[in-house]
N, C-alpha and C. Protein backbone atom coordinates (compact mmCIF):
# COMPACT_ATOMS: atom_id res chain seq x y z
N MET A 1 0.92 -0.88 0.16
CA MET A 1 -0.31 -0.04 -0.19
C MET A 1 0.77 1.27 -0.11
N LYS A 2 2.46 1.31 0.59
CA LYS A 2 2.72 2.17 0.24
C LYS A 2 3.56 2.36 -1.02
N SER A 3 3.94 1.97 -1.92
CA SER A 3 3.89 2.32 -3.17
C SER A 3 2.79 2.67 -4.05
N LEU A 4 1.18 2.77 -3.55
CA LEU A 4 -0.22 2.72 -4.12
C LEU A 4 0.66 4.30 -3.62
N THR A 5 0.01 5.02 -2.19
CA THR A 5 0.21 6.07 -1.37
C THR A 5 1.84 7.25 -2.34
N SER A 6 2.44 6.68 -2.17
CA SER A 6 3.86 7.47 -2.86
C SER A 6 3.43 7.68 -4.51
N ALA A 7 2.71 6.90 -5.18
CA ALA A 7 2.26 7.25 -6.01
C ALA A 7 1.59 8.15 -7.08
N ILE A 8 0.66 8.01 -5.73
CA ILE A 8 -0.32 9.17 -5.26
C ILE A 8 -0.08 10.33 -5.60
N LEU A 9 1.28 10.38 -4.59
CA LEU A 9 1.58 11.65 -4.37
C LEU A 9 2.57 11.91 -5.10
N GLY A 10 3.38 11.33 -5.72
CA GLY A 10 4.50 12.20 -6.73
C GLY A 10 3.81 12.50 -8.16
N ALA A 11 2.37 11.65 -8.62
CA ALA A 11 1.18 12.34 -9.51
C ALA A 11 0.62 13.78 -9.53
N SER A 12 0.99 13.74 -8.69
CA SER A 12 0.05 14.82 -7.78
C SER A 12 1.22 16.17 -7.97
N VAL A 13 2.02 15.74 -7.36
CA VAL A 13 3.46 16.48 -7.53
C VAL A 13 3.80 17.24 -9.00
N MET A 14 3.90 15.86 -9.72
CA MET A 14 4.00 16.18 -11.48
C MET A 14 2.53 17.00 -11.87
N LEU A 15 1.65 17.13 -11.82
CA LEU A 15 0.47 17.61 -12.39
C LEU A 15 0.97 19.08 -11.37
N ASN A 16 1.09 19.43 -10.48
CA ASN A 16 1.22 20.95 -9.73
C ASN A 16 2.49 21.44 -10.60
N ILE A 17 3.36 20.92 -11.31
CA ILE A 17 4.61 21.45 -11.57
C ILE A 17 4.02 21.48 -13.43
N LEU A 18 3.56 20.98 -13.93
CA LEU A 18 3.21 21.13 -15.07
C LEU A 18 2.19 22.18 -15.04
N ILE A 19 1.49 22.18 -13.98
CA ILE A 19 0.45 23.56 -14.24
C ILE A 19 1.00 24.81 -14.26
N LEU A 20 2.00 24.66 -12.94
CA LEU A 20 2.49 25.82 -12.64
C LEU A 20 3.52 26.11 -14.12
N GLN A 21 4.25 25.13 -14.51
CA GLN A 21 5.47 25.63 -16.04
C GLN A 21 4.24 25.51 -16.90
N GLY A 22 2.96 25.13 -17.63
CA GLY A 22 2.46 25.88 -18.68
C GLY A 22 1.78 27.41 -17.79
N ALA A 23 1.65 27.73 -16.55
CA ALA A 23 1.01 28.95 -16.40
C ALA A 23 1.72 30.08 -16.80
N ARG A 24 3.49 29.76 -16.39
CA ARG A 24 4.43 30.78 -16.40
C ARG A 24 4.76 30.78 -18.09
N GLU A 25 4.67 29.57 -18.92
CA GLU A 25 5.21 29.69 -19.92
C GLU A 25 4.05 29.95 -21.01
N SER A 26 2.67 29.81 -20.23
CA SER A 26 1.47 30.89 -21.00
C SER A 26 1.85 32.45 -20.51
N GLU A 27 2.01 32.83 -19.51
CA GLU A 27 2.02 34.04 -18.79
C GLU A 27 0.71 34.03 -17.79
N LEU A 28 -0.16 32.99 -17.39
CA LEU A 28 -1.04 32.95 -17.21
C LEU A 28 -1.17 33.59 -15.89
N LEU A 29 0.06 34.46 -15.15
CA LEU A 29 0.72 34.04 -13.91
C LEU A 29 -0.57 35.06 -13.05
N SER A 30 -0.95 35.77 -13.69
CA SER A 30 -2.05 36.48 -12.90
C SER A 30 -2.66 35.74 -12.10
N ALA A 31 -3.06 36.59 -10.60
CA ALA A 31 -3.66 35.64 -9.51
C ALA A 31 -4.69 34.79 -10.02
N GLY A 32 -5.91 36.09 -11.37
CA GLY A 32 -6.92 35.21 -11.47
C GLY A 32 -7.20 33.32 -12.12
N LYS A 33 -6.21 33.48 -12.59
CA LYS A 33 -6.02 31.79 -13.52
C LYS A 33 -4.80 30.81 -12.46
N VAL A 34 -3.73 31.01 -11.95
CA VAL A 34 -3.09 30.24 -11.56
C VAL A 34 -3.88 29.58 -10.29
N PHE A 35 -4.91 30.44 -9.46
CA PHE A 35 -5.07 29.89 -7.91
C PHE A 35 -6.15 28.99 -8.41
N PRO A 36 -6.92 29.65 -9.31
CA PRO A 36 -8.32 28.41 -9.34
C PRO A 36 -7.37 26.96 -10.16
N ALA A 37 -6.26 27.08 -10.77
CA ALA A 37 -5.82 25.62 -11.09
C ALA A 37 -5.22 24.80 -10.24
N PHE A 38 -4.64 26.05 -9.10
CA PHE A 38 -4.15 25.36 -7.98
C PHE A 38 -4.98 24.70 -7.32
N PHE A 39 -5.72 25.45 -6.77
CA PHE A 39 -7.20 24.48 -6.34
C PHE A 39 -8.13 23.32 -6.43
N LEU A 40 -7.80 23.59 -8.20
CA LEU A 40 -8.49 22.23 -8.82
C LEU A 40 -7.54 20.90 -8.70
N ALA A 41 -6.20 21.59 -8.42
CA ALA A 41 -4.87 20.32 -8.69
C ALA A 41 -5.40 20.03 -6.77
N LEU A 42 -5.27 20.86 -6.01
CA LEU A 42 -5.00 20.59 -4.85
C LEU A 42 -6.56 19.57 -4.28
N SER A 43 -7.77 19.77 -5.35
CA SER A 43 -8.85 19.11 -4.52
C SER A 43 -8.44 17.95 -5.48
N VAL A 44 -8.07 17.50 -6.63
CA VAL A 44 -7.66 16.20 -7.43
C VAL A 44 -6.65 15.38 -6.31
N ILE A 45 -5.77 16.04 -5.42
CA ILE A 45 -4.88 15.64 -4.59
C ILE A 45 -5.87 14.90 -3.53
N VAL A 46 -6.59 15.90 -3.04
CA VAL A 46 -7.55 15.18 -2.12
C VAL A 46 -8.20 14.29 -2.56
N LEU A 47 -8.96 14.16 -3.28
CA LEU A 47 -9.56 13.30 -4.28
C LEU A 47 -8.57 11.68 -4.32
N LEU A 48 -7.43 11.92 -4.96
CA LEU A 48 -6.63 10.86 -4.68
C LEU A 48 -6.60 10.29 -3.35
N VAL A 49 -6.04 11.12 -2.69
CA VAL A 49 -6.13 10.56 -1.06
C VAL A 49 -7.08 9.74 -0.64
N ARG A 50 -8.15 10.20 -0.54
CA ARG A 50 -9.55 10.25 0.08
C ARG A 50 -9.54 8.60 -0.73
N ALA A 51 -9.33 8.25 -2.09
CA ALA A 51 -9.13 6.81 -2.56
C ALA A 51 -8.62 6.03 -2.48
N ALA A 52 -7.53 6.64 -2.15
CA ALA A 52 -6.35 5.66 -1.61
C ALA A 52 -7.09 4.43 -0.25
N GLY A 53 -7.44 5.82 0.90
CA GLY A 53 -7.76 5.44 1.77
C GLY A 53 -9.03 4.81 1.64
N GLU A 54 -10.03 4.45 0.77
CA GLU A 54 -11.13 3.55 0.82
C GLU A 54 -10.39 2.37 0.49
N TYR A 55 -9.21 2.32 -0.27
CA TYR A 55 -9.12 0.87 -1.40
C TYR A 55 -8.33 0.05 -0.22
N ARG A 56 -7.61 0.96 0.83
CA ARG A 56 -7.45 0.27 1.78
C ARG A 56 -7.96 -0.07 2.83
N LYS A 57 -9.38 0.06 3.07
CA LYS A 57 -9.86 -0.64 3.94
C LYS A 57 -11.22 -1.53 3.20
């Protein structure tokens, strides 16, 4: 189960990096556009962690 959790964490970190890189490259770093992307990534991470918790049971 540790490998599943670490894989999820790694994927979420990669997702955050990709979102931030895309935002930097397309110059969307105005607060109005980066924060929704950040919160979307954060909600995806929370959902993945919850799914992992359900999977353990």
